[in-house]
Amino acid sequence: MGKVLVAIALVFAIGACGSKPKQPGCKTDKDCKSPLVCSQNKCVECTEDSQCGKGKSCQANACVTKPQCINDDQCPSGQVCQAGSCKPCASDGECGPGGSCQAGACKKAKKCTKDDECADDEDCVNGFCIKSGQANNAGTTCALQTVYFTFDDSSIQQSERDRLDANNSCINQNKGKSVFLVGHTDTSGTEEYNIALSERRAQSVADYLARLGTDPARLQVVPKGETEPTGLGDDKDRRVEFQWH
């Protein structure tokens, strides 16, 4: 009997050695090492913005740097909000429906509900005053906007959601066309890594549009990696472009 008990004890001892140590729990903030706080019996970095330093906010119990902007209206006149930062525009497509980019500054199209609210040489198209006869090279009724990403990231920033919402509406106005989602990166990292990153970015956009109601069968992911830089800096290279086909 003694030998059996010793064997059982030995088994439990071996099992205990191979198991992972439990994470320390907590009931109140006092149970955590400062500056950590207690949330759902775990010590975390934060539970609200006030527990983070200046210029940071609490997201998923971690303090992260606040974005400079979440939409174009929060940027200086003429600049656009891209991946959470205010930037000069690089093309008309960054300036919203009917807008134009002039020397790095956006000139937004006037909003309207009928043609009478626009200039003599403009029509009211999809809520914006557009030059009469103006159309893109795909013969569609609206333009698709480029979306941007932060360094080494493929998640959709809040600043890009308005553009994706508009793109979703545009795609669904043109039922007979499909869209290439062309992913790009800057030149940091290896070519192989950047191809994979550009694919993740394009796929993130495809998934987001699918959740908005776009038929996934109309979206084709095209990873380009670092092969097509804009020549306007890394922040403009971290992008997904939309092309009708």
Protein backbone atom coordinates (compact mmCIF):
# COMPACT_ATOMS: atom_id res chain seq x y z
CA MET A 1 0.00 0.00 0.00
CA GLY A 2 2.86 2.34 0.85
CA LYS A 3 4.42 1.82 -2.56
CA VAL A 4 1.09 2.69 -4.26
CA LEU A 5 0.78 5.95 -2.33
CA VAL A 6 4.34 6.89 -3.22
CA ALA A 7 3.65 6.21 -6.91
CA ILE A 8 0.50 8.35 -6.84
CA ALA A 9 2.33 11.19 -5.11
CA LEU A 10 5.09 10.97 -7.71
CA VAL A 11 2.56 11.23 -10.57
CA PHE A 12 1.01 14.37 -9.06
CA ALA A 13 4.44 15.89 -8.49
CA ILE A 14 5.44 15.34 -12.13
CA GLY A 15 2.12 16.77 -13.35
CA ALA A 16 2.56 19.83 -11.18
CA CYS A 17 6.03 20.45 -12.57
CA GLY A 18 4.75 20.40 -16.15
CA SER A 19 1.77 22.71 -15.60
CA LYS A 20 1.90 26.45 -16.23
CA PRO A 21 1.77 28.77 -13.22
CA LYS A 22 -1.55 30.50 -12.76
CA GLN A 23 -1.73 34.21 -13.49
CA PRO A 24 -2.18 36.33 -10.33
CA GLY A 25 -5.80 37.35 -9.79
CA CYS A 26 -7.20 40.40 -8.06
CA LYS A 27 -10.33 41.72 -6.39
CA THR A 28 -9.40 45.40 -6.13
CA ASP A 29 -6.76 47.74 -7.58
CA LYS A 30 -4.76 47.32 -4.36
CA ASP A 31 -4.08 43.70 -5.34
CA CYS A 32 -2.19 44.87 -8.46
CA LYS A 33 1.28 46.31 -8.74
CA SER A 34 1.06 50.06 -9.50
CA PRO A 35 0.19 51.43 -12.04
CA LEU A 36 -1.87 48.36 -13.00
CA VAL A 37 -5.56 48.22 -12.08
CA CYS A 38 -7.99 45.36 -11.47
CA SER A 39 -10.53 44.42 -14.14
CA GLN A 40 -12.53 41.18 -14.13
CA ASN A 41 -10.13 39.60 -11.63
CA LYS A 42 -7.06 40.43 -13.73
CA CYS A 43 -4.42 43.14 -13.38
CA VAL A 44 -4.44 45.29 -16.52
CA GLU A 45 -2.96 48.55 -17.74
CA CYS A 46 -6.22 50.51 -17.76
CA THR A 47 -10.01 50.42 -17.77
CA GLU A 48 -10.66 54.06 -18.79
CA ASP A 49 -8.88 56.90 -20.60
CA SER A 50 -8.13 58.84 -17.41
CA GLN A 51 -5.70 56.10 -16.32
CA CYS A 52 -3.53 56.68 -19.39
CA GLY A 53 -1.06 59.48 -19.99
CA LYS A 54 -1.66 62.61 -22.04
CA GLY A 55 -2.41 61.89 -25.68
CA LYS A 56 -3.38 58.26 -24.99
CA SER A 57 -6.64 56.38 -24.65
CA CYS A 58 -7.62 53.03 -23.14
CA GLN A 59 -8.44 50.34 -25.69
CA ALA A 60 -8.86 46.67 -24.75
CA ASN A 61 -7.31 47.41 -21.31
CA ALA A 62 -4.14 48.88 -22.88
CA CYS A 63 -3.02 52.51 -23.21
CA VAL A 64 -2.51 53.43 -26.85
CA THR A 65 -1.71 56.71 -28.58
CA LYS A 66 -4.83 58.61 -29.60
CA PRO A 67 -5.24 59.18 -33.33
CA GLN A 68 -4.76 62.77 -34.46
CA CYS A 69 -8.10 62.57 -36.28
CA ILE A 70 -10.92 60.21 -37.17
CA ASN A 71 -12.40 62.22 -40.06
CA ASP A 72 -11.41 65.00 -42.46
CA ASP A 73 -13.39 67.63 -40.54
CA GLN A 74 -10.89 67.40 -37.65
CA CYS A 75 -7.94 68.36 -39.90
CA PRO A 76 -6.71 71.80 -40.97
CA SER A 77 -8.50 73.16 -43.99
CA GLY A 78 -7.68 71.22 -47.15
CA GLN A 79 -5.98 68.28 -45.40
CA VAL A 80 -7.41 64.76 -45.20
CA CYS A 81 -7.48 62.27 -42.32
CA GLN A 82 -5.55 59.16 -43.33
CA ALA A 83 -4.84 56.29 -40.92
CA GLY A 84 -5.49 58.62 -37.99
CA SER A 85 -3.18 61.47 -39.11
CA CYS A 86 -3.87 64.72 -40.97
CA LYS A 87 -2.09 64.74 -44.35
CA PRO A 88 -1.98 66.85 -47.53
CA CYS A 89 -3.92 65.20 -50.33
CA ALA A 90 -2.14 63.53 -53.23
CA SER A 91 -4.99 62.92 -55.68
CA ASP A 92 -8.60 63.88 -56.37
CA GLY A 93 -9.73 60.48 -55.11
CA GLU A 94 -8.74 61.45 -51.56
CA CYS A 95 -11.06 64.45 -51.51
CA GLY A 96 -14.42 62.73 -51.54
CA PRO A 97 -17.09 62.57 -54.26
CA GLY A 98 -16.58 65.33 -56.80
CA GLY A 99 -13.64 66.82 -54.87
CA SER A 100 -10.30 67.82 -56.34
CA CYS A 101 -6.76 67.97 -54.95
CA GLN A 102 -5.02 71.25 -55.74
CA ALA A 103 -1.40 71.71 -54.58
CA GLY A 104 -1.88 69.28 -51.68
CA ALA A 105 -5.18 70.77 -50.52
CA CYS A 106 -8.64 69.32 -51.06
CA LYS A 107 -11.38 71.36 -52.63
CA LYS A 108 -14.54 69.56 -51.55
CA ALA A 109 -17.57 69.31 -53.79
CA LYS A 110 -20.68 71.18 -52.68
CA LYS A 111 -23.44 69.05 -51.21
CA CYS A 112 -26.83 69.21 -52.91
CA THR A 113 -30.28 67.69 -53.23
CA LYS A 114 -31.15 68.98 -56.73
CA ASP A 115 -29.46 70.47 -59.80
CA ASP A 116 -30.73 74.00 -59.03
CA GLU A 117 -28.40 74.12 -55.98
CA CYS A 118 -25.29 73.66 -58.18
CA ALA A 119 -23.44 75.95 -60.58
CA ASP A 120 -24.61 76.21 -64.20
CA ASP A 121 -21.94 73.75 -65.39
CA GLU A 122 -22.63 71.21 -62.61
CA ASP A 123 -25.21 68.49 -61.91
CA CYS A 124 -26.34 67.12 -58.56
CA VAL A 125 -25.10 63.52 -58.56
CA ASN A 126 -25.43 61.30 -55.47
CA GLY A 127 -25.73 64.35 -53.21
CA PHE A 128 -22.77 66.34 -54.61
CA CYS A 129 -22.34 68.98 -57.31
CA ILE A 130 -20.33 67.39 -60.11
CA LYS A 131 -19.12 69.01 -63.34
CA SER A 132 -21.56 68.23 -66.14
CA GLY A 133 -20.42 65.24 -68.17
CA GLN A 134 -17.71 64.37 -65.63
CA ALA A 135 -17.22 60.60 -65.40
CA ASN A 136 -14.42 58.28 -64.45
CA ASN A 137 -12.71 56.02 -66.97
CA ALA A 138 -14.78 53.03 -65.96
CA GLY A 139 -18.04 54.70 -66.97
CA THR A 140 -19.48 54.39 -63.46
CA THR A 141 -21.70 56.81 -61.58
CA CYS A 142 -19.27 57.38 -58.70
CA ALA A 143 -15.57 57.19 -57.76
CA LEU A 144 -13.89 54.79 -55.35
CA GLN A 145 -11.52 56.20 -52.72
CA THR A 146 -8.14 54.84 -51.60
CA VAL A 147 -7.82 53.83 -47.93
CA TYR A 148 -4.63 54.00 -45.84
CA PHE A 149 -2.94 52.03 -43.06
CA THR A 150 -0.46 52.60 -40.26
CA PHE A 151 3.04 51.12 -40.19
CA ASP A 152 3.16 47.29 -40.36
CA ASP A 153 -0.60 47.02 -39.76
CA SER A 154 -3.55 45.66 -41.71
CA SER A 155 -6.42 46.69 -39.41
CA ILE A 156 -9.02 49.20 -40.60
CA GLN A 157 -8.49 52.54 -38.86
CA GLN A 158 -11.53 54.51 -37.75
CA SER A 159 -10.47 57.35 -40.06
CA GLU A 160 -10.95 55.08 -43.09
CA ARG A 161 -14.46 53.88 -42.30
CA ASP A 162 -16.29 56.82 -43.91
CA ARG A 163 -14.38 56.18 -47.14
CA LEU A 164 -15.21 52.48 -47.03
CA ASP A 165 -18.86 53.25 -46.33
CA ALA A 166 -18.91 55.52 -49.39
CA ASN A 167 -17.11 52.88 -51.48
CA ASN A 168 -19.65 50.28 -50.40
CA SER A 169 -22.50 52.52 -51.58
CA CYS A 170 -20.68 53.23 -54.85
CA ILE A 171 -20.05 49.54 -55.57
CA ASN A 172 -23.68 48.71 -54.95
CA GLN A 173 -24.80 51.48 -57.32
CA ASN A 174 -22.90 49.75 -60.11
CA LYS A 175 -24.29 46.22 -59.98
CA GLY A 176 -22.66 44.98 -63.19
CA LYS A 177 -19.06 45.68 -62.18
CA SER A 178 -16.51 43.99 -59.94
CA VAL A 179 -13.60 45.59 -58.11
CA PHE A 180 -9.91 44.85 -57.69
CA LEU A 181 -8.68 45.61 -54.15
CA VAL A 182 -5.00 46.36 -54.74
CA GLY A 183 -2.87 46.20 -51.58
CA HIS A 184 0.41 48.12 -51.20
CA THR A 185 3.15 48.65 -48.59
CA ASP A 186 6.16 50.88 -48.05
CA THR A 187 9.67 49.49 -48.60
CA SER A 188 10.32 48.49 -44.97
CA GLY A 189 10.83 44.75 -44.53
CA THR A 190 11.53 42.03 -47.06
CA GLU A 191 9.72 41.68 -50.38
CA GLU A 192 8.13 38.42 -49.23
CA TYR A 193 6.85 39.98 -46.01
CA ASN A 194 5.46 43.01 -47.83
CA ILE A 195 3.57 40.87 -50.34
CA ALA A 196 1.91 39.07 -47.43
CA LEU A 197 1.20 42.37 -45.63
CA SER A 198 -0.34 43.92 -48.73
CA GLU A 199 -2.57 40.85 -49.10
CA ARG A 200 -3.70 41.13 -45.47
CA ARG A 201 -4.55 44.80 -46.00
CA ALA A 202 -6.59 44.11 -49.13
CA GLN A 203 -8.33 41.17 -47.42
CA SER A 204 -9.19 43.37 -44.42
CA VAL A 205 -10.88 45.79 -46.81
CA ALA A 206 -12.72 42.94 -48.54
CA ASP A 207 -13.95 41.59 -45.20
CA TYR A 208 -15.08 45.05 -44.08
CA LEU A 209 -17.03 45.65 -47.30
CA ALA A 210 -18.60 42.20 -47.05
CA ARG A 211 -19.86 43.06 -43.57
CA LEU A 212 -21.43 46.21 -45.03
CA GLY A 213 -23.29 44.12 -47.59
CA THR A 214 -21.06 44.05 -50.68
CA ASP A 215 -21.13 40.67 -52.41
CA PRO A 216 -17.67 39.12 -51.76
CA ALA A 217 -17.79 37.54 -55.22
CA ARG A 218 -17.43 41.05 -56.71
CA LEU A 219 -14.19 41.72 -54.81
CA GLN A 220 -10.80 40.40 -55.89
CA VAL A 221 -7.71 40.83 -53.68
CA VAL A 222 -4.53 41.81 -55.55
CA PRO A 223 -1.33 42.01 -53.40
CA LYS A 224 1.36 44.28 -54.87
CA GLY A 225 3.69 44.59 -51.89
CA GLU A 226 6.24 47.38 -52.28
CA THR A 227 6.37 47.23 -56.09
CA GLU A 228 4.33 50.38 -56.85
CA PRO A 229 5.42 53.25 -54.57
CA THR A 230 3.62 56.57 -54.91
CA GLY A 231 6.81 58.63 -54.64
CA LEU A 232 5.03 60.73 -51.99
CA GLY A 233 6.39 59.06 -48.86
CA ASP A 234 5.83 55.89 -46.84
CA ASP A 235 2.51 57.05 -45.37
CA LYS A 236 1.01 57.31 -48.87
CA ASP A 237 2.41 53.89 -49.86
CA ARG A 238 0.58 52.01 -47.07
CA ARG A 239 -2.70 51.76 -48.94
CA VAL A 240 -5.38 49.75 -50.70
CA GLU A 241 -6.55 51.10 -54.04
CA PHE A 242 -9.87 50.29 -55.74
CA GLN A 243 -10.02 49.56 -59.46
CA TRP A 244 -13.15 48.72 -61.45
CA HIS A 245 -13.05 45.74 -63.78
